[in-house]
């Protein structure tokens, strides 16, 4: 089981997904602001993460390829489920 971390680029509709908890490997040239940590999720490495409703195998393939080749995947918010884009709320 892997942990993926979701980051948002400032107030823009751009998200980065990476195994790096610091987001230090996300490209700074794509984000004119700071990558802000939004959420952490478990991922088994095979199925689309989080029950992601993948429109096609190409989208899932792009996610896996990005993580494998670059260590991150960049996407606009519309391509991701709303619940993973919400900031993580710690439990009391």
Protein backbone atom coordinates (compact mmCIF):
# COMPACT_ATOMS: atom_id res chain seq x y z
CA UNK A 1 0.00 0.00 0.00
CA UNK A 2 1.29 3.44 -0.96
CA UNK A 3 0.37 6.86 0.31
CA UNK A 4 -0.26 9.54 -2.27
CA UNK A 5 -0.38 13.21 -1.39
CA UNK A 6 -2.60 15.71 -3.17
CA UNK A 7 -1.38 19.30 -3.50
CA UNK A 8 -3.10 22.35 -4.95
CA UNK A 9 -1.31 25.15 -6.75
CA UNK A 10 -2.30 28.27 -4.81
CA UNK A 11 -5.86 29.23 -5.70
CA UNK A 12 -5.60 27.82 -9.22
CA UNK A 13 -7.48 24.75 -10.42
CA UNK A 14 -4.25 22.75 -10.77
CA UNK A 15 -3.45 19.74 -8.62
CA UNK A 16 -0.35 17.61 -8.16
CA UNK A 17 -0.35 14.03 -6.90
CA UNK A 18 2.88 12.55 -5.57
CA UNK A 19 4.27 10.04 -3.08
CA UNK A 20 6.51 12.84 -1.73
CA UNK A 21 4.81 14.11 1.45
CA UNK A 22 6.57 17.46 1.09
CA UNK A 23 5.55 18.01 -2.54
CA UNK A 24 9.17 18.95 -3.19
CA UNK A 25 9.21 17.11 -6.50
CA UNK A 26 6.25 19.01 -7.98
CA UNK A 27 7.29 21.33 -10.83
CA UNK A 28 7.63 24.94 -9.71
CA UNK A 29 7.45 26.21 -13.29
CA UNK A 30 3.81 25.09 -13.54
CA UNK A 31 2.78 26.78 -10.32
CA UNK A 32 3.32 30.50 -9.84
CA UNK A 33 2.35 30.03 -6.18
CA UNK A 34 3.16 27.46 -3.50
CA UNK A 35 1.95 23.88 -3.78
CA UNK A 36 -0.35 23.48 -0.74
CA UNK A 37 -0.96 20.03 0.78
CA UNK A 38 -4.65 19.13 0.59
CA UNK A 39 -4.99 15.45 1.38
CA UNK A 40 -3.23 12.10 1.80
CA UNK A 41 -4.69 8.89 0.41
CA UNK A 42 -3.94 5.19 0.41
CA UNK A 43 -3.36 3.55 -2.94
CA UNK A 44 -2.66 -0.09 -3.75
CA UNK A 45 -0.75 0.73 -6.94
CA UNK A 46 -3.10 -1.11 -9.29
CA UNK A 47 -6.69 0.10 -9.31
CA UNK A 48 -7.58 3.71 -9.97
CA UNK A 49 -6.94 5.43 -6.63
CA UNK A 50 -9.79 6.31 -4.27
CA UNK A 51 -12.37 4.67 -6.51
CA UNK A 52 -11.59 7.35 -9.08
CA UNK A 53 -14.21 7.22 -11.80
CA UNK A 54 -11.79 6.91 -14.68
CA UNK A 55 -13.39 7.96 -17.95
CA UNK A 56 -10.99 5.73 -19.86
CA UNK A 57 -7.96 3.53 -19.30
CA UNK A 58 -5.92 6.34 -20.83
CA UNK A 59 -6.55 8.59 -17.79
CA UNK A 60 -5.56 5.83 -15.37
CA UNK A 61 -2.57 5.02 -17.54
CA UNK A 62 -1.51 8.67 -17.51
CA UNK A 63 -1.71 8.78 -13.71
CA UNK A 64 0.38 5.63 -13.31
CA UNK A 65 2.86 6.72 -15.99
CA UNK A 66 3.29 10.14 -14.40
CA UNK A 67 3.91 8.64 -10.97
CA UNK A 68 6.29 6.04 -12.37
CA UNK A 69 8.27 8.25 -14.77
CA UNK A 70 8.20 11.64 -13.04
CA UNK A 71 7.23 10.83 -9.47
CA UNK A 72 4.14 13.04 -9.81
CA UNK A 73 0.95 13.56 -11.81
CA UNK A 74 -0.49 17.01 -12.59
CA UNK A 75 -4.18 17.49 -13.38
CA UNK A 76 -6.94 20.07 -13.45
CA UNK A 77 -9.51 19.70 -10.70
CA UNK A 78 -12.32 18.59 -13.02
CA UNK A 79 -10.48 15.30 -13.61
CA UNK A 80 -10.33 14.44 -9.91
CA UNK A 81 -13.04 13.45 -7.41
CA UNK A 82 -14.15 16.42 -5.28
CA UNK A 83 -13.47 14.64 -1.98
CA UNK A 84 -9.73 14.30 -2.61
CA UNK A 85 -9.38 18.00 -3.34
CA UNK A 86 -10.74 19.04 0.05
CA UNK A 87 -8.18 19.82 2.74
CA UNK A 88 -7.65 16.99 5.18
CA UNK A 89 -9.47 17.63 8.44
CA UNK A 90 -7.69 16.00 11.36
CA UNK A 91 -9.85 13.97 13.68
CA UNK A 92 -10.00 15.04 17.33
